[in-house]
């Protein structure tokens, strides 16, 4: 295992919920201590993207990055 994907329920309200933000930060820190890169899902707007960047999460997934693309 190389990555820890952080569920969107922890991510989407992080900019406005201090408890969820603290949980997100803790999950990210634990992942890094374990030698894993972290991925935040449900990054749907610039505020959430800014928060996950500030927390040092390695990758983001969601509409703030790109809309889903077909494989072909």
PDB file of N, CA and C in Angstrom:
ATOM      1  N   UNK A   1       0.854  -1.168   0.000  1.00  0.00           N
ATOM      2  CA  UNK A   1       0.000   0.000   0.000  1.00  0.00           C
ATOM      3  C   UNK A   1       0.905   1.238   0.000  1.00  0.00           C
ATOM      4  N   UNK A   2       0.599   2.145  -0.919  1.00  0.00           N
ATOM      5  CA  UNK A   2       1.402   3.360  -1.052  1.00  0.00           C
ATOM      6  C   UNK A   2       0.635   4.637  -0.714  1.00  0.00           C
ATOM      7  N   UNK A   3      -0.707   4.545  -0.740  1.00  0.00           N
ATOM      8  CA  UNK A   3      -1.538   5.728  -0.576  1.00  0.00           C
ATOM      9  C   UNK A   3      -2.594   5.515   0.494  1.00  0.00           C
ATOM     10  N   UNK A   4      -2.935   6.603   1.150  1.00  0.00           N
ATOM     11  CA  UNK A   4      -4.063   6.616   2.076  1.00  0.00           C
ATOM     12  C   UNK A   4      -5.084   7.597   1.511  1.00  0.00           C
ATOM     13  N   UNK A   5      -6.234   7.089   1.081  1.00  0.00           N
ATOM     14  CA  UNK A   5      -7.284   7.938   0.521  1.00  0.00           C
ATOM     15  C   UNK A   5      -8.205   8.367   1.648  1.00  0.00           C
ATOM     16  N   UNK A   6      -8.355   9.662   1.810  1.00  0.00           N
ATOM     17  CA  UNK A   6      -9.149  10.228   2.895  1.00  0.00           C
ATOM     18  C   UNK A   6     -10.569  10.466   2.401  1.00  0.00           C
ATOM     19  N   UNK A   7     -11.509   9.854   3.069  1.00  0.00           N
ATOM     20  CA  UNK A   7     -12.913   9.919   2.684  1.00  0.00           C
ATOM     21  C   UNK A   7     -13.415  11.358   2.634  1.00  0.00           C
ATOM     22  N   UNK A   8     -14.233  11.635   1.642  1.00  0.00           N
ATOM     23  CA  UNK A   8     -14.784  12.968   1.444  1.00  0.00           C
ATOM     24  C   UNK A   8     -15.592  13.509   2.606  1.00  0.00           C
ATOM     25  N   UNK A   9     -16.123  12.633   3.449  1.00  0.00           N
ATOM     26  CA  UNK A   9     -16.872  13.113   4.618  1.00  0.00           C
ATOM     27  C   UNK A   9     -15.987  13.895   5.582  1.00  0.00           C
ATOM     28  N   UNK A  10     -14.697  13.613   5.599  1.00  0.00           N
ATOM     29  CA  UNK A  10     -13.764  14.381   6.420  1.00  0.00           C
ATOM     30  C   UNK A  10     -13.291  15.632   5.701  1.00  0.00           C
ATOM     31  N   UNK A  11     -13.376  15.632   4.392  1.00  0.00           N
ATOM     32  CA  UNK A  11     -12.771  16.685   3.584  1.00  0.00           C
ATOM     33  C   UNK A  11     -13.728  17.826   3.274  1.00  0.00           C
ATOM     34  N   UNK A  12     -14.927  17.518   2.844  1.00  0.00           N
ATOM     35  CA  UNK A  12     -15.796  18.531   2.241  1.00  0.00           C
ATOM     36  C   UNK A  12     -16.193  19.678   3.156  1.00  0.00           C
ATOM     37  N   UNK A  13     -16.272  19.464   4.453  1.00  0.00           N
ATOM     38  CA  UNK A  13     -16.649  20.542   5.377  1.00  0.00           C
ATOM     39  C   UNK A  13     -15.468  21.083   6.178  1.00  0.00           C
ATOM     40  N   UNK A  14     -14.257  20.632   5.876  1.00  0.00           N
ATOM     41  CA  UNK A  14     -13.081  21.037   6.647  1.00  0.00           C
ATOM     42  C   UNK A  14     -12.874  22.555   6.735  1.00  0.00           C
ATOM     43  N   UNK A  15     -13.155  23.325   5.664  1.00  0.00           N
ATOM     44  CA  UNK A  15     -12.929  24.773   5.783  1.00  0.00           C
ATOM     45  C   UNK A  15     -13.837  25.462   6.808  1.00  0.00           C
ATOM     46  N   UNK A  16     -14.977  24.861   7.124  1.00  0.00           N
ATOM     47  CA  UNK A  16     -15.920  25.532   8.030  1.00  0.00           C
ATOM     48  C   UNK A  16     -16.138  24.790   9.347  1.00  0.00           C
ATOM     49  N   UNK A  17     -15.547  23.622   9.518  1.00  0.00           N
ATOM     50  CA  UNK A  17     -15.765  22.816  10.718  1.00  0.00           C
ATOM     51  C   UNK A  17     -14.412  22.502  11.352  1.00  0.00           C
ATOM     52  N   UNK A  18     -14.131  23.128  12.502  1.00  0.00           N
ATOM     53  CA  UNK A  18     -12.835  22.973  13.156  1.00  0.00           C
ATOM     54  C   UNK A  18     -12.552  21.540  13.575  1.00  0.00           C
ATOM     55  N   UNK A  19     -13.571  20.815  14.013  1.00  0.00           N
ATOM     56  CA  UNK A  19     -13.380  19.427  14.444  1.00  0.00           C
ATOM     57  C   UNK A  19     -13.005  18.555  13.250  1.00  0.00           C
ATOM     58  N   UNK A  20     -13.729  18.686  12.142  1.00  0.00           N
ATOM     59  CA  UNK A  20     -13.394  17.912  10.941  1.00  0.00           C
ATOM     60  C   UNK A  20     -12.012  18.290  10.412  1.00  0.00           C
ATOM     61  N   UNK A  21     -11.655  19.537  10.486  1.00  0.00           N
ATOM     62  CA  UNK A  21     -10.334  19.977  10.045  1.00  0.00           C
ATOM     63  C   UNK A  21      -9.249  19.319  10.899  1.00  0.00           C
ATOM     64  N   UNK A  22      -9.455  19.274  12.199  1.00  0.00           N
ATOM     65  CA  UNK A  22      -8.488  18.626  13.094  1.00  0.00           C
ATOM     66  C   UNK A  22      -8.387  17.133  12.799  1.00  0.00           C
ATOM     67  N   UNK A  23      -9.511  16.492  12.517  1.00  0.00           N
ATOM     68  CA  UNK A  23      -9.505  15.071  12.167  1.00  0.00           C
ATOM     69  C   UNK A  23      -8.763  14.850  10.853  1.00  0.00           C
ATOM     70  N   UNK A  24      -9.007  15.701   9.881  1.00  0.00           N
ATOM     71  CA  UNK A  24      -8.344  15.606   8.590  1.00  0.00           C
ATOM     72  C   UNK A  24      -6.829  15.765   8.754  1.00  0.00           C
ATOM     73  N   UNK A  25      -6.434  16.722   9.549  1.00  0.00           N
ATOM     74  CA  UNK A  25      -5.013  16.936   9.815  1.00  0.00           C
ATOM     75  C   UNK A  25      -4.393  15.722  10.498  1.00  0.00           C
ATOM     76  N   UNK A  26      -5.102  15.136  11.443  1.00  0.00           N
ATOM     77  CA  UNK A  26      -4.601  13.945  12.138  1.00  0.00           C
ATOM     78  C   UNK A  26      -4.470  12.751  11.198  1.00  0.00           C
ATOM     79  N   UNK A  27      -5.465  12.535  10.371  1.00  0.00           N
ATOM     80  CA  UNK A  27      -5.416  11.424   9.410  1.00  0.00           C
ATOM     81  C   UNK A  27      -4.228  11.612   8.466  1.00  0.00           C
ATOM     82  N   UNK A  28      -4.038  12.831   7.996  1.00  0.00           N
ATOM     83  CA  UNK A  28      -2.913  13.121   7.112  1.00  0.00           C
ATOM     84  C   UNK A  28      -1.584  12.860   7.814  1.00  0.00           C
ATOM     85  N   UNK A  29      -1.445  13.311   9.049  1.00  0.00           N
ATOM     86  CA  UNK A  29      -0.210  13.107   9.801  1.00  0.00           C
ATOM     87  C   UNK A  29       0.071  11.627  10.027  1.00  0.00           C
ATOM     88  N   UNK A  30      -0.942  10.868  10.385  1.00  0.00           N
ATOM     89  CA  UNK A  30      -0.765   9.432  10.601  1.00  0.00           C
ATOM     90  C   UNK A  30      -0.335   8.756   9.301  1.00  0.00           C
ATOM     91  N   UNK A  31      -0.970   9.112   8.198  1.00  0.00           N
ATOM     92  CA  UNK A  31      -0.576   8.557   6.907  1.00  0.00           C
ATOM     93  C   UNK A  31       0.881   8.832   6.600  1.00  0.00           C
ATOM     94  N   UNK A  32       1.323  10.048   6.831  1.00  0.00           N
ATOM     95  CA  UNK A  32       2.709  10.396   6.550  1.00  0.00           C
ATOM     96  C   UNK A  32       3.672   9.658   7.481  1.00  0.00           C
ATOM     97  N   UNK A  33       3.322   9.510   8.739  1.00  0.00           N
ATOM     98  CA  UNK A  33       4.153   8.743   9.675  1.00  0.00           C
ATOM     99  C   UNK A  33       4.288   7.300   9.211  1.00  0.00           C
ATOM    100  N   UNK A  34       3.235   6.765   8.609  1.00  0.00           N
ATOM    101  CA  UNK A  34       3.251   5.397   8.094  1.00  0.00           C
ATOM    102  C   UNK A  34       3.986   5.288   6.758  1.00  0.00           C
ATOM    103  N   UNK A  35       4.469   6.404   6.233  1.00  0.00           N
ATOM    104  CA  UNK A  35       5.189   6.396   4.970  1.00  0.00           C
ATOM    105  C   UNK A  35       4.286   6.386   3.753  1.00  0.00           C
ATOM    106  N   UNK A  36       3.035   6.792   3.930  1.00  0.00           N
ATOM    107  CA  UNK A  36       2.060   6.794   2.844  1.00  0.00           C
ATOM    108  C   UNK A  36       1.848   8.212   2.331  1.00  0.00           C
ATOM    109  N   UNK A  37       1.541   8.324   1.045  1.00  0.00           N
ATOM    110  CA  UNK A  37       1.101   9.590   0.487  1.00  0.00           C
ATOM    111  C   UNK A  37      -0.412   9.656   0.660  1.00  0.00           C
ATOM    112  N   UNK A  38      -0.939  10.851   0.883  1.00  0.00           N
ATOM    113  CA  UNK A  38      -2.357  11.008   1.163  1.00  0.00           C
ATOM    114  C   UNK A  38      -3.095  11.632  -0.014  1.00  0.00           C
ATOM    115  N   UNK A  39      -4.353  11.190  -0.158  1.00  0.00           N
ATOM    116  CA  UNK A  39      -5.233  11.687  -1.214  1.00  0.00           C
ATOM    117  C   UNK A  39      -6.538  12.133  -0.567  1.00  0.00           C
ATOM    118  N   UNK A  40      -6.919  13.378  -0.764  1.00  0.00           N
ATOM    119  CA  UNK A  40      -8.197  13.883  -0.268  1.00  0.00           C
ATOM    120  C   UNK A  40      -9.221  13.792  -1.387  1.00  0.00           C
ATOM    121  N   UNK A  41     -10.327  13.111  -1.132  1.00  0.00           N
ATOM    122  CA  UNK A  41     -11.383  13.068  -2.130  1.00  0.00           C
ATOM    123  C   UNK A  41     -12.434  14.118  -1.792  1.00  0.00           C
ATOM    124  N   UNK A  42     -13.310  14.393  -2.754  1.00  0.00           N
ATOM    125  CA  UNK A  42     -14.409  15.357  -2.610  1.00  0.00           C
ATOM    126  C   UNK A  42     -13.900  16.793  -2.464  1.00  0.00           C
ATOM    127  N   UNK A  43     -12.830  17.115  -3.190  1.00  0.00           N
ATOM    128  CA  UNK A  43     -12.328  18.491  -3.216  1.00  0.00           C
ATOM    129  C   UNK A  43     -13.129  19.208  -4.301  1.00  0.00           C
ATOM    130  N   UNK A  44     -14.227  19.805  -3.887  1.00  0.00           N
ATOM    131  CA  UNK A  44     -15.232  20.298  -4.818  1.00  0.00           C
ATOM    132  C   UNK A  44     -15.188  21.797  -5.091  1.00  0.00           C
ATOM    133  N   UNK A  45     -14.418  22.554  -4.321  1.00  0.00           N
ATOM    134  CA  UNK A  45     -14.389  23.999  -4.535  1.00  0.00           C
ATOM    135  C   UNK A  45     -13.044  24.562  -4.071  1.00  0.00           C
ATOM    136  N   UNK A  46     -12.751  25.820  -4.429  1.00  0.00           N
ATOM    137  CA  UNK A  46     -11.452  26.407  -4.084  1.00  0.00           C
ATOM    138  C   UNK A  46     -11.167  26.467  -2.583  1.00  0.00           C
ATOM    139  N   UNK A  47     -12.184  26.651  -1.750  1.00  0.00           N
ATOM    140  CA  UNK A  47     -11.965  26.716  -0.300  1.00  0.00           C
ATOM    141  C   UNK A  47     -11.461  25.376   0.243  1.00  0.00           C
ATOM    142  N   UNK A  48     -12.042  24.291  -0.239  1.00  0.00           N
ATOM    143  CA  UNK A  48     -11.606  22.963   0.204  1.00  0.00           C
ATOM    144  C   UNK A  48     -10.209  22.683  -0.329  1.00  0.00           C
ATOM    145  N   UNK A  49      -9.942  23.031  -1.583  1.00  0.00           N
ATOM    146  CA  UNK A  49      -8.617  22.830  -2.160  1.00  0.00           C
ATOM    147  C   UNK A  49      -7.558  23.588  -1.365  1.00  0.00           C
ATOM    148  N   UNK A  50      -7.853  24.822  -1.019  1.00  0.00           N
ATOM    149  CA  UNK A  50      -6.913  25.628  -0.231  1.00  0.00           C
ATOM    150  C   UNK A  50      -6.641  24.970   1.122  1.00  0.00           C
ATOM    151  N   UNK A  51      -7.673  24.438   1.751  1.00  0.00           N
ATOM    152  CA  UNK A  51      -7.512  23.804   3.066  1.00  0.00           C
ATOM    153  C   UNK A  51      -6.645  22.554   2.976  1.00  0.00           C
ATOM    154  N   UNK A  52      -6.901  21.687   1.994  1.00  0.00           N
ATOM    155  CA  UNK A  52      -6.106  20.461   1.907  1.00  0.00           C
ATOM    156  C   UNK A  52      -4.651  20.786   1.541  1.00  0.00           C
ATOM    157  N   UNK A  53      -4.433  21.811   0.741  1.00  0.00           N
ATOM    158  CA  UNK A  53      -3.063  22.230   0.444  1.00  0.00           C
ATOM    159  C   UNK A  53      -2.375  22.741   1.705  1.00  0.00           C
ATOM    160  N   UNK A  54      -3.083  23.542   2.497  1.00  0.00           N
ATOM    161  CA  UNK A  54      -2.511  24.088   3.727  1.00  0.00           C
ATOM    162  C   UNK A  54      -2.161  22.988   4.732  1.00  0.00           C
ATOM    163  N   UNK A  55      -2.918  21.902   4.723  1.00  0.00           N
ATOM    164  CA  UNK A  55      -2.663  20.805   5.651  1.00  0.00           C
ATOM    165  C   UNK A  55      -1.554  19.871   5.174  1.00  0.00           C
ATOM    166  N   UNK A  56      -1.081  20.060   3.957  1.00  0.00           N
ATOM    167  CA  UNK A  56       0.014  19.246   3.450  1.00  0.00           C
ATOM    168  C   UNK A  56      -0.399  17.913   2.864  1.00  0.00           C
ATOM    169  N   UNK A  57      -1.674  17.789   2.507  1.00  0.00           N
ATOM    170  CA  UNK A  57      -2.140  16.567   1.855  1.00  0.00           C
ATOM    171  C   UNK A  57      -1.503  16.514   0.463  1.00  0.00           C
ATOM    172  N   UNK A  58      -1.085  15.319   0.064  1.00  0.00           N
ATOM    173  CA  UNK A  58      -0.279  15.171  -1.143  1.00  0.00           C
ATOM    174  C   UNK A  58      -1.058  15.315  -2.449  1.00  0.00           C
ATOM    175  N   UNK A  59      -2.270  14.768  -2.496  1.00  0.00           N
ATOM    176  CA  UNK A  59      -3.064  14.773  -3.729  1.00  0.00           C
ATOM    177  C   UNK A  59      -4.513  15.130  -3.410  1.00  0.00           C
ATOM    178  N   UNK A  60      -5.181  15.700  -4.404  1.00  0.00           N
ATOM    179  CA  UNK A  60      -6.597  16.034  -4.259  1.00  0.00           C
ATOM    180  C   UNK A  60      -7.364  15.453  -5.439  1.00  0.00           C
ATOM    181  N   UNK A  61      -8.594  15.071  -5.154  1.00  0.00           N
ATOM    182  CA  UNK A  61      -9.470  14.491  -6.169  1.00  0.00           C
ATOM    183  C   UNK A  61     -10.829  15.164  -6.044  1.00  0.00           C
ATOM    184  N   UNK A  62     -11.354  15.685  -7.138  1.00  0.00           N
ATOM    185  CA  UNK A  62     -12.674  16.301  -7.104  1.00  0.00           C
ATOM    186  C   UNK A  62     -12.825  17.376  -8.163  1.00  0.00           C
ATOM    187  N   UNK A  63     -14.007  17.951  -8.235  1.00  0.00           N
ATOM    188  CA  UNK A  63     -14.350  18.933  -9.260  1.00  0.00           C
ATOM    189  C   UNK A  63     -13.492  20.188  -9.209  1.00  0.00           C
ATOM    190  N   UNK A  64     -12.907  20.523  -8.065  1.00  0.00           N
ATOM    191  CA  UNK A  64     -12.021  21.701  -8.006  1.00  0.00           C
ATOM    192  C   UNK A  64     -10.740  21.456  -8.791  1.00  0.00           C
ATOM    193  N   UNK A  65     -10.417  20.181  -9.020  1.00  0.00           N
ATOM    194  CA  UNK A  65      -9.241  19.822  -9.799  1.00  0.00           C
ATOM    195  C   UNK A  65      -9.633  19.601 -11.254  1.00  0.00           C
ATOM    196  N   UNK A  66     -10.602  18.726 -11.473  1.00  0.00           N
ATOM    197  CA  UNK A  66     -11.056  18.400 -12.830  1.00  0.00           C
ATOM    198  C   UNK A  66     -12.343  17.607 -12.755  1.00  0.00           C
ATOM    199  N   UNK A  67     -13.163  17.774 -13.736  1.00  0.00           N
ATOM    200  CA  UNK A  67     -14.362  16.949 -13.847  1.00  0.00           C
ATOM    201  C   UNK A  67     -13.956  15.560 -14.318  1.00  0.00           C
ATOM    202  N   UNK A  68     -14.726  14.542 -14.008  1.00  0.00           N
ATOM    203  CA  UNK A  68     -14.388  13.187 -14.456  1.00  0.00           C
ATOM    204  C   UNK A  68     -14.247  13.130 -15.982  1.00  0.00           C
ATOM    205  N   UNK A  69     -13.313  12.343 -16.422  1.00  0.00           N
ATOM    206  CA  UNK A  69     -13.026  12.191 -17.857  1.00  0.00           C
ATOM    207  C   UNK A  69     -13.267  10.759 -18.286  1.00  0.00           C
ATOM    208  N   UNK A  70     -13.752  10.541 -19.513  1.00  0.00           N
ATOM    209  CA  UNK A  70     -13.900   9.177 -20.003  1.00  0.00           C
ATOM    210  C   UNK A  70     -12.526   8.527 -20.193  1.00  0.00           C
ATOM    211  N   UNK A  71     -12.476   7.222 -20.069  1.00  0.00           N
ATOM    212  CA  UNK A  71     -11.222   6.503 -20.245  1.00  0.00           C
ATOM    213  C   UNK A  71     -10.768   6.462 -21.688  1.00  0.00           C
ATOM    214  N   UNK A  72     -11.695   6.507 -22.611  1.00  0.00           N
ATOM    215  CA  UNK A  72     -11.335   6.439 -24.032  1.00  0.00           C
ATOM    216  C   UNK A  72     -11.570   7.732 -24.751  1.00  0.00           C
TER     217      UNK A  72
END
